[in-house]
Structure formats: structure tokens, C-alpha cells
N, C-alpha and C. Protein backbone atom coordinates (compact mmCIF):
# COMPACT_ATOMS: atom_id res chain seq x y z
N MET A 1 -84.15 -30.82 65.92
CA MET A 1 -84.99 -31.31 66.63
C MET A 1 -84.58 -30.59 68.29
N MET A 2 -83.00 -30.56 68.14
CA MET A 2 -81.98 -30.10 69.39
C MET A 2 -82.25 -28.28 69.15
N GLU A 3 -82.07 -28.17 67.70
CA GLU A 3 -82.30 -26.77 67.36
C GLU A 3 -83.79 -26.17 67.72
N LEU A 4 -84.48 -26.58 67.97
CA LEU A 4 -86.17 -26.43 68.15
C LEU A 4 -85.90 -26.22 69.76
N ILE A 5 -85.78 -27.29 70.53
CA ILE A 5 -85.48 -27.20 72.15
C ILE A 5 -84.28 -26.16 72.22
N PHE A 6 -83.81 -25.99 71.75
CA PHE A 6 -82.53 -24.48 72.47
C PHE A 6 -83.20 -23.35 71.61
N VAL A 7 -83.83 -23.40 70.67
CA VAL A 7 -84.63 -22.03 70.58
C VAL A 7 -85.57 -21.64 71.36
N ILE A 8 -86.68 -22.77 71.87
CA ILE A 8 -87.29 -22.35 72.46
C ILE A 8 -87.06 -22.04 74.18
N VAL A 9 -85.96 -22.76 74.64
CA VAL A 9 -85.14 -22.42 76.24
C VAL A 9 -84.82 -20.78 75.93
N ILE A 10 -84.38 -19.84 75.14
CA ILE A 10 -83.55 -19.33 74.32
C ILE A 10 -84.71 -18.38 74.75
N LEU A 11 -86.11 -18.14 73.93
CA LEU A 11 -87.22 -17.73 74.18
C LEU A 11 -87.65 -17.56 75.80
N GLY A 12 -87.50 -18.64 76.06
CA GLY A 12 -88.40 -18.42 77.50
C GLY A 12 -86.98 -17.78 77.98
N ILE A 13 -86.35 -17.73 77.97
CA ILE A 13 -85.11 -16.94 78.96
C ILE A 13 -85.43 -15.52 78.55
N LEU A 14 -85.77 -15.29 77.47
CA LEU A 14 -85.88 -13.46 77.16
C LEU A 14 -87.25 -13.43 77.76
N ALA A 15 -87.85 -13.72 77.94
CA ALA A 15 -89.24 -13.66 78.12
C ALA A 15 -89.45 -13.65 79.37
N GLY A 16 -88.80 -13.86 80.20
CA GLY A 16 -88.30 -14.35 81.89
C GLY A 16 -87.99 -13.00 82.12
N VAL A 17 -87.13 -12.59 81.39
CA VAL A 17 -86.35 -11.40 81.71
C VAL A 17 -87.06 -9.89 81.19
N ALA A 18 -87.60 -9.94 79.58
CA ALA A 18 -87.97 -9.09 79.39
C ALA A 18 -89.47 -8.17 80.07
N ILE A 19 -90.08 -9.57 80.20
CA ILE A 19 -91.70 -9.44 80.87
C ILE A 19 -91.61 -8.17 82.44
N PRO A 20 -91.00 -8.84 83.13
CA PRO A 20 -90.78 -7.98 84.47
C PRO A 20 -90.33 -6.43 84.26
N ARG A 21 -88.96 -6.41 82.95
CA ARG A 21 -88.35 -4.96 82.60
C ARG A 21 -89.66 -4.22 81.92
N LEU A 22 -90.65 -5.00 81.30
CA LEU A 22 -91.66 -4.01 80.64
C LEU A 22 -92.59 -3.32 81.54
N THR A 23 -93.03 -4.10 82.86
CA THR A 23 -93.79 -4.02 83.86
C THR A 23 -93.43 -2.38 84.77
N ALA A 24 -91.93 -2.97 84.84
CA ALA A 24 -91.44 -1.63 85.77
C ALA A 24 -91.31 -0.71 84.73
N THR A 25 -90.66 -0.48 83.66
CA THR A 25 -90.79 0.63 83.03
C THR A 25 -91.79 1.43 83.11
N ARG A 26 -93.46 0.45 82.39
CA ARG A 26 -94.32 1.09 82.57
C ARG A 26 -94.54 2.38 83.71
N GLU A 27 -94.50 1.59 85.07
CA GLU A 27 -94.40 2.55 86.19
C GLU A 27 -93.88 3.63 85.96
N ASP A 28 -92.57 3.29 86.00
CA ASP A 28 -91.85 4.45 85.89
C ASP A 28 -92.21 5.89 85.07
N ALA A 29 -92.29 5.20 84.16
CA ALA A 29 -93.21 6.77 82.83
C ALA A 29 -94.46 7.32 83.87
N ILE A 30 -94.93 6.32 84.13
CA ILE A 30 -96.27 6.97 85.18
C ILE A 30 -95.78 8.24 86.10
N ILE A 31 -94.67 7.49 86.75
CA ILE A 31 -94.04 8.50 87.93
C ILE A 31 -93.40 9.81 87.13
N THR A 32 -92.91 9.51 86.17
CA THR A 32 -92.47 10.53 85.72
C THR A 32 -93.10 11.79 85.28
N LYS A 33 -94.29 10.99 84.26
CA LYS A 33 -95.34 12.10 83.91
C LYS A 33 -95.92 12.77 85.30
N ALA A 34 -96.08 11.94 86.17
CA ALA A 34 -96.74 12.55 87.23
C ALA A 34 -95.39 13.96 87.65
N ARG A 35 -94.38 13.62 87.68
CA ARG A 35 -92.83 14.48 88.39
C ARG A 35 -93.22 15.64 87.23
N SER A 36 -93.58 15.30 86.04
CA SER A 36 -93.19 16.28 85.49
C SER A 36 -94.56 17.59 85.18
N ASP A 37 -95.30 16.40 85.63
CA ASP A 37 -97.01 17.73 86.55
C ASP A 37 -96.56 18.50 87.44
N VAL A 38 -95.74 17.76 88.38
CA VAL A 38 -95.36 18.75 89.75
C VAL A 38 -94.68 19.89 89.52
N ALA A 39 -93.58 19.42 88.68
CA ALA A 39 -92.67 20.46 88.06
C ALA A 39 -93.20 21.67 87.36
N SER A 40 -94.13 21.24 86.66
CA SER A 40 -94.92 22.50 85.50
C SER A 40 -95.76 23.34 86.47
N ILE A 41 -96.61 22.70 87.18
CA ILE A 41 -97.57 23.61 88.15
C ILE A 41 -96.80 24.37 89.07
N ARG A 42 -95.23 23.61 89.61
CA ARG A 42 -94.69 25.10 90.61
C ARG A 42 -94.11 25.66 89.96
N SER A 43 -93.34 25.50 88.95
CA SER A 43 -92.77 26.31 88.08
C SER A 43 -93.65 27.93 87.49
N SER A 44 -95.04 27.36 87.02
CA SER A 44 -95.92 28.32 86.78
C SER A 44 -96.44 29.26 87.92
N ILE A 45 -96.75 28.61 89.49
CA ILE A 45 -96.85 29.09 90.24
C ILE A 45 -95.64 30.06 90.55
N LYS A 46 -94.84 29.90 90.36
CA LYS A 46 -93.74 30.98 90.89
C LYS A 46 -93.33 31.80 89.52
N THR A 47 -93.50 31.24 88.33
CA THR A 47 -93.97 32.73 86.94
C THR A 47 -94.76 33.59 87.56
N ILE A 48 -95.82 32.89 87.72
CA ILE A 48 -96.87 34.22 88.15
C ILE A 48 -96.52 35.24 89.11
N ARG A 49 -96.10 34.17 90.61
CA ARG A 49 -95.38 35.42 91.24
C ARG A 49 -94.68 36.41 90.92
N ALA A 50 -93.34 35.89 90.49
CA ALA A 50 -92.49 36.50 89.89
C ALA A 50 -93.36 38.10 89.06
N ARG A 51 -94.25 37.52 88.35
CA ARG A 51 -94.59 38.54 87.21
C ARG A 51 -95.12 39.72 88.08
N ARG A 52 -96.08 39.01 89.12
CA ARG A 52 -96.84 40.19 90.34
C ARG A 52 -95.90 40.72 90.98
N VAL A 53 -94.74 40.34 91.56
CA VAL A 53 -93.85 41.03 92.03
C VAL A 53 -93.07 42.47 90.86
N LEU A 54 -92.79 42.16 89.79
CA LEU A 54 -92.53 43.04 88.63
C LEU A 54 -93.57 44.27 88.21
N GLU A 55 -94.62 43.46 88.81
CA GLU A 55 -96.03 44.51 88.29
C GLU A 55 -96.56 45.59 89.75
N GLY A 56 -95.47 45.15 90.93
CA GLY A 56 -95.84 46.28 91.98
C GLY A 56 -96.99 45.60 92.79
N ASN A 57 -97.33 44.26 92.37
CA ASN A 57 -98.54 43.50 93.49
C ASN A 57 -97.94 42.30 94.09
N PRO A 58 -97.50 42.31 95.31
CA PRO A 58 -96.36 41.28 95.96
C PRO A 58 -98.16 40.33 96.25
N GLY A 59 -97.10 39.29 96.44
CA GLY A 59 -98.53 37.97 97.32
C GLY A 59 -97.97 37.02 96.05
N TYR A 60 -98.57 36.02 96.67
CA TYR A 60 -98.60 34.79 95.76
C TYR A 60 -99.89 34.94 94.95
N SER A 61 -100.14 34.45 93.66
CA SER A 61 -101.15 34.18 93.15
C SER A 61 -101.31 33.35 92.22
N PRO A 62 -101.98 32.47 91.98
CA PRO A 62 -103.09 33.09 91.88
C PRO A 62 -103.89 32.33 93.24
N SER A 63 -104.79 32.92 93.87
CA SER A 63 -105.71 32.32 94.99
C SER A 63 -106.28 30.96 94.96
N LEU A 64 -106.34 30.71 93.47
CA LEU A 64 -107.19 29.45 92.98
C LEU A 64 -106.40 28.91 92.36
N LEU A 65 -105.96 27.89 91.99
CA LEU A 65 -105.19 27.61 90.85
C LEU A 65 -106.36 26.85 89.84
N ASP A 66 -107.58 26.56 90.03
CA ASP A 66 -108.38 26.71 88.83
C ASP A 66 -110.00 26.83 89.59
N ALA A 67 -109.81 28.52 89.26
CA ALA A 67 -111.08 28.98 89.86
C ALA A 67 -112.56 28.09 89.46
N SER A 68 -112.40 27.74 88.16
CA SER A 68 -113.87 26.94 87.61
C SER A 68 -114.04 25.49 88.66
N LEU A 69 -113.41 25.31 89.30
CA LEU A 69 -113.58 24.03 90.35
C LEU A 69 -113.14 24.45 91.61
N THR A 70 -114.46 24.41 92.34
CA THR A 70 -114.45 24.56 93.75
C THR A 70 -115.03 23.46 94.35
N ALA A 71 -114.26 22.42 94.97
CA ALA A 71 -114.54 21.27 95.52
C ALA A 71 -114.56 21.39 96.71
N THR A 72 -115.49 21.00 97.33
CA THR A 72 -115.81 21.23 98.90
C THR A 72 -115.28 19.98 99.69
N ASN A 73 -114.77 20.05 101.19
CA ASN A 73 -114.80 18.55 101.66
C ASN A 73 -115.39 17.48 101.41
N ASN A 74 -115.20 16.31 101.26
CA ASN A 74 -115.67 15.20 100.79
C ASN A 74 -116.61 15.50 99.29
N SER A 75 -116.18 16.25 98.89
CA SER A 75 -116.76 16.88 97.14
C SER A 75 -115.78 16.43 96.41
N ALA A 76 -115.38 15.58 95.77
CA ALA A 76 -114.09 15.67 94.68
C ALA A 76 -114.59 16.11 93.62
N LYS A 77 -113.70 16.61 92.67
CA LYS A 77 -113.87 17.05 91.34
C LYS A 77 -113.24 16.33 90.38
N ASP A 78 -113.95 15.15 89.71
CA ASP A 78 -113.21 14.22 89.01
C ASP A 78 -113.47 14.29 87.58
N SER A 79 -113.75 15.70 86.87
CA SER A 79 -113.72 16.00 85.48
C SER A 79 -113.74 17.41 85.52
N GLY A 80 -113.05 17.56 83.80
CA GLY A 80 -112.90 18.84 84.01
C GLY A 80 -111.57 19.33 84.10
N PRO A 81 -111.28 20.67 83.40
CA PRO A 81 -109.88 20.75 83.57
C PRO A 81 -109.37 21.56 84.68
N LEU A 82 -108.09 21.00 85.50
CA LEU A 82 -107.52 21.51 86.45
C LEU A 82 -106.31 22.38 86.24
N PHE A 83 -106.12 23.00 87.02
CA PHE A 83 -104.98 24.05 87.13
C PHE A 83 -104.81 25.21 85.95
N VAL A 84 -106.25 24.96 85.61
CA VAL A 84 -106.51 26.50 84.27
C VAL A 84 -105.78 28.03 84.93
N GLY A 85 -106.01 28.19 85.89
CA GLY A 85 -105.48 29.21 86.47
C GLY A 85 -103.55 29.47 86.31
N ILE A 86 -103.12 28.50 86.07
CA ILE A 86 -101.89 28.74 86.10
C ILE A 86 -101.02 28.02 84.36
N LEU A 87 -101.60 26.87 84.05
CA LEU A 87 -101.05 26.43 83.17
C LEU A 87 -101.91 26.79 81.51
N ASP A 88 -101.05 26.76 80.84
CA ASP A 88 -101.35 27.11 79.30
C ASP A 88 -102.24 25.77 78.81
N TYR A 89 -101.83 24.44 79.26
CA TYR A 89 -102.84 23.34 78.79
C TYR A 89 -103.06 22.53 80.09
N PRO A 90 -104.51 22.96 80.69
CA PRO A 90 -104.91 22.25 81.55
C PRO A 90 -104.51 21.12 81.66
N ILE A 91 -104.20 20.15 82.86
CA ILE A 91 -104.79 18.78 82.80
C ILE A 91 -106.45 17.92 83.34
N GLN A 92 -106.67 17.50 82.52
CA GLN A 92 -107.91 17.43 82.91
C GLN A 92 -107.81 16.16 83.76
N ALA A 93 -109.27 16.43 84.74
CA ALA A 93 -109.47 15.77 86.09
C ALA A 93 -110.02 14.06 85.91
N LYS A 94 -109.73 13.15 86.58
CA LYS A 94 -109.85 11.84 86.47
C LYS A 94 -110.18 11.02 87.23
N ASN A 95 -111.01 10.18 87.93
CA ASN A 95 -110.78 10.00 89.08
C ASN A 95 -110.61 8.02 88.69
N ASP A 96 -109.17 8.15 88.10
CA ASP A 96 -108.81 7.38 87.51
C ASP A 96 -107.31 6.86 87.42
N LYS A 97 -106.69 5.73 87.70
CA LYS A 97 -105.22 5.56 88.01
C LYS A 97 -104.52 6.22 86.93
N ASN A 98 -103.71 7.16 87.32
CA ASN A 98 -102.65 7.47 86.38
C ASN A 98 -103.01 9.17 86.26
N HIS A 99 -104.11 9.71 86.90
CA HIS A 99 -104.50 11.02 86.38
C HIS A 99 -104.92 11.82 87.66
N TRP A 100 -104.67 13.14 87.49
CA TRP A 100 -104.68 14.13 89.00
C TRP A 100 -106.74 14.40 88.64
N ARG A 101 -106.53 14.57 90.52
CA ARG A 101 -108.16 15.17 90.34
C ARG A 101 -108.26 16.12 92.06
N LYS A 102 -108.64 16.87 92.02
CA LYS A 102 -109.16 17.82 93.19
C LYS A 102 -109.95 17.30 94.00
N ILE A 103 -109.51 17.05 95.57
CA ILE A 103 -110.64 16.58 96.38
C ILE A 103 -110.92 17.45 97.45
N ALA A 104 -110.01 18.87 97.60
CA ALA A 104 -110.73 19.58 98.58
C ALA A 104 -110.75 20.83 98.47
N SER A 105 -111.31 21.66 99.11
CA SER A 105 -110.88 23.10 99.31
C SER A 105 -111.43 23.61 100.81
N SER A 106 -110.39 24.47 101.51
CA SER A 106 -110.59 24.70 102.90
C SER A 106 -110.90 25.95 102.34
N ARG A 107 -111.59 26.48 103.90
CA ARG A 107 -112.19 27.98 103.95
C ARG A 107 -110.83 28.62 103.93
N THR A 108 -109.38 28.39 104.26
CA THR A 108 -108.16 29.21 104.53
C THR A 108 -107.72 29.19 103.29
N GLY A 109 -108.50 28.71 102.32
CA GLY A 109 -108.00 28.86 100.76
C GLY A 109 -106.73 27.61 100.45
N VAL A 110 -106.66 26.81 101.37
CA VAL A 110 -105.56 25.69 101.19
C VAL A 110 -106.12 24.63 100.10
N GLU A 111 -105.88 24.20 99.14
CA GLU A 111 -106.71 23.63 97.99
C GLU A 111 -106.21 21.91 98.03
N THR A 112 -106.61 21.19 98.01
CA THR A 112 -105.86 19.71 97.83
C THR A 112 -106.11 18.98 96.70
N TYR A 113 -104.80 18.64 95.94
CA TYR A 113 -105.11 17.77 94.70
C TYR A 113 -104.99 16.17 95.13
N GLN A 114 -105.33 15.24 93.91
CA GLN A 114 -104.71 13.70 94.28
C GLN A 114 -104.12 13.05 93.08
N PHE A 115 -102.96 12.78 93.04
CA PHE A 115 -102.56 12.00 91.59
C PHE A 115 -102.95 10.50 92.24
N GLN A 116 -103.48 9.59 91.10
CA GLN A 116 -103.28 8.28 91.57
C GLN A 116 -102.62 7.48 90.89
N ILE A 117 -101.76 7.11 91.18
CA ILE A 117 -100.33 6.23 90.78
C ILE A 117 -100.94 5.13 89.79
N ASN A 118 -101.81 4.19 91.05
CA ASN A 118 -102.64 3.03 90.27
C ASN A 118 -103.72 2.82 90.86
N GLY A 119 -104.17 1.73 91.25
CA GLY A 119 -105.54 1.51 91.90
C GLY A 119 -105.40 1.61 93.31
N SER A 120 -104.01 1.47 93.91
CA SER A 120 -104.70 1.62 95.27
C SER A 120 -103.23 2.97 95.91
N ASP A 121 -102.35 3.14 95.36
CA ASP A 121 -101.55 4.19 95.55
C ASP A 121 -101.82 5.50 95.20
N SER A 122 -101.66 6.61 95.75
CA SER A 122 -101.88 7.92 95.55
C SER A 122 -101.15 9.23 96.22
N VAL A 123 -101.07 10.08 95.52
CA VAL A 123 -99.99 11.27 96.64
C VAL A 123 -101.31 12.68 96.50
N ASP A 124 -101.22 12.76 97.45
CA ASP A 124 -102.57 14.21 97.87
C ASP A 124 -101.06 15.09 97.71
N PHE A 125 -101.79 16.67 97.03
CA PHE A 125 -100.74 17.80 97.35
C PHE A 125 -101.64 18.36 97.48
N ASP A 126 -100.75 19.61 98.70
CA ASP A 126 -101.70 20.87 99.11
C ASP A 126 -100.66 22.10 98.34
N TYR A 127 -101.93 23.23 97.99
CA TYR A 127 -101.70 24.22 97.32
C TYR A 127 -102.24 25.39 98.78
N ASP A 128 -100.84 26.44 98.49
CA ASP A 128 -101.58 27.05 100.33
C ASP A 128 -100.78 28.56 99.45
N PRO A 129 -102.43 29.31 99.15
CA PRO A 129 -101.93 30.40 98.26
C PRO A 129 -101.08 31.54 99.29
N VAL A 130 -101.54 31.45 100.71
CA VAL A 130 -100.23 32.06 101.50
C VAL A 130 -98.91 32.32 101.35
N SER A 131 -98.27 30.75 101.37
CA SER A 131 -97.07 30.76 101.11
C SER A 131 -96.67 30.14 99.56
N GLY A 132 -97.54 30.14 98.51
CA GLY A 132 -97.24 29.65 97.49
C GLY A 132 -96.91 28.29 97.22
N THR A 133 -96.93 27.37 97.85
CA THR A 133 -96.32 26.43 97.83
C THR A 133 -97.27 25.08 97.79
N PHE A 134 -96.46 23.82 96.58
CA PHE A 134 -97.21 22.91 96.20
C PHE A 134 -96.61 21.81 96.58
N ASP A 135 -97.06 21.33 97.76
CA ASP A 135 -96.42 19.96 98.06
C ASP A 135 -97.16 19.32 98.73
N CYS A 136 -96.50 17.74 98.95
CA CYS A 136 -97.19 16.27 99.36
C CYS A 136 -97.76 16.74 100.50
N ASN A 137 -98.88 16.06 100.60
CA ASN A 137 -99.45 15.77 102.15
C ASN A 137 -98.32 14.91 102.64
N HIS A 138 -97.48 15.73 104.04
CA HIS A 138 -96.34 14.66 104.16
C HIS A 138 -97.40 13.82 105.42
N THR A 139 -98.50 14.26 106.10
CA THR A 139 -98.84 13.84 107.58
C THR A 139 -99.81 12.92 106.86
N LYS A 140 -100.26 12.14 105.82
CA LYS A 140 -100.98 11.42 105.11
C LYS A 140 -100.10 10.49 104.92
N GLN A 141 -100.59 9.08 105.70
CA GLN A 141 -99.89 7.64 105.80
C GLN A 141 -99.93 7.18 104.09
N SER A 142 -100.87 7.24 103.34
CA SER A 142 -100.92 6.74 101.99
C SER A 142 -99.87 7.57 100.92
N THR A 143 -100.29 8.71 101.92
CA THR A 143 -99.38 9.81 101.08
C THR A 143 -97.32 9.78 100.77
N LYS A 144 -97.38 9.40 101.90
CA LYS A 144 -95.89 9.58 102.46
C LYS A 144 -95.02 8.55 101.93
N LYS A 145 -95.41 7.06 101.41
CA LYS A 145 -94.89 5.95 100.95
C LYS A 145 -94.32 7.04 99.32
N ASN A 146 -95.53 7.74 98.57
CA ASN A 146 -94.78 7.60 97.13
C ASN A 146 -94.48 9.15 97.40
N CYS A 147 -94.79 10.27 97.96
CA CYS A 147 -94.46 11.48 98.06
C CYS A 147 -92.58 12.02 97.43
N ALA A 148 -92.27 11.10 98.14
CA ALA A 148 -90.64 11.28 97.87
C ALA A 148 -90.10 10.95 96.20
N LYS A 149 -90.85 9.98 95.70
CA LYS A 149 -90.60 9.53 94.23
C LYS A 149 -91.22 10.83 93.35
N LEU A 150 -92.24 11.37 93.62
CA LEU A 150 -92.73 12.70 93.02
C LEU A 150 -92.31 14.12 93.03
N THR A 151 -91.45 13.95 93.91
CA THR A 151 -90.91 15.76 94.67
C THR A 151 -89.07 15.17 94.40
N GLU A 152 -88.50 14.54 94.46
CA GLU A 152 -87.30 14.60 94.64
C GLU A 152 -86.64 14.23 93.54
């Protein structure tokens, strides 16, 4: 009988330690996936820029990362492929946690994308075709909190 009590106590201790670690590991995996996506997008932008310079065609390109989707303000694109213009294997848009979506295009050509980390946290990224940058929107309060997690 004492052995059974010891086994139950040991299993309880192991469960108390393991379950919180599994939850943290899942969120770490989501952040790592998003960081990988950001790195791929930025690398592709720079590769296309270098190719254009070698061809004697300076300037950042493409002007649209995904010409097939032209979201306007307050009209998000929650389905279809994203980053078709630069990635060999586009990312599918979805308005759900752990997914990307395009949330806006401005008249100046700046495109805004959003990665939803979980149900309440998201990070907005702006692509500026003039400067060739794909970076977090540091001015939005909800984005500031997670921007460093995805870009540093």
C-alpha cells in the first residue's frame, strides 16, 4: 500500500512539472515558426532586390508582396495565399491564431500584414516598397509587446 502512495505522489510531482513546460513549449514553437516566416520574407525581399540590381534595375521590388490580394483599409484578406510574389511556397492566410493575414494596403503602397500569436495577441508588420522594409508596427500598443519576440 505504501508503494502505491509513493507512486501516486511521484506521478503527481511529475505531472505538476511537465504540464506547464508543455504549454510553454507550444508557445515557443509558435513564436519560432513566426520568426522563421519573418526571416524568409525578409530574405526573399533582399534576394529580389539583389537580382534587380544585377539586372540594372535598381529599386525595391516587388511593389506588392502578393499581387493577387489587394486588401483595402478595414477589409482584411483572411484566405488565399500570401507573399506569392516573393516566396516559392506561399503562406495561406487565415483569420485564426498561429496564422498570417493581410489587413490593409495604403495608397502609398505600404502593405500591412498581421500574425496572430493566440486569440488575443497579434503583431502587425508593414511592408514599404520604397525602402524595402518588412518590419513590426512599433506604434501600435498591442504590437509592441510581441514585436521583439518575432524580430530579435
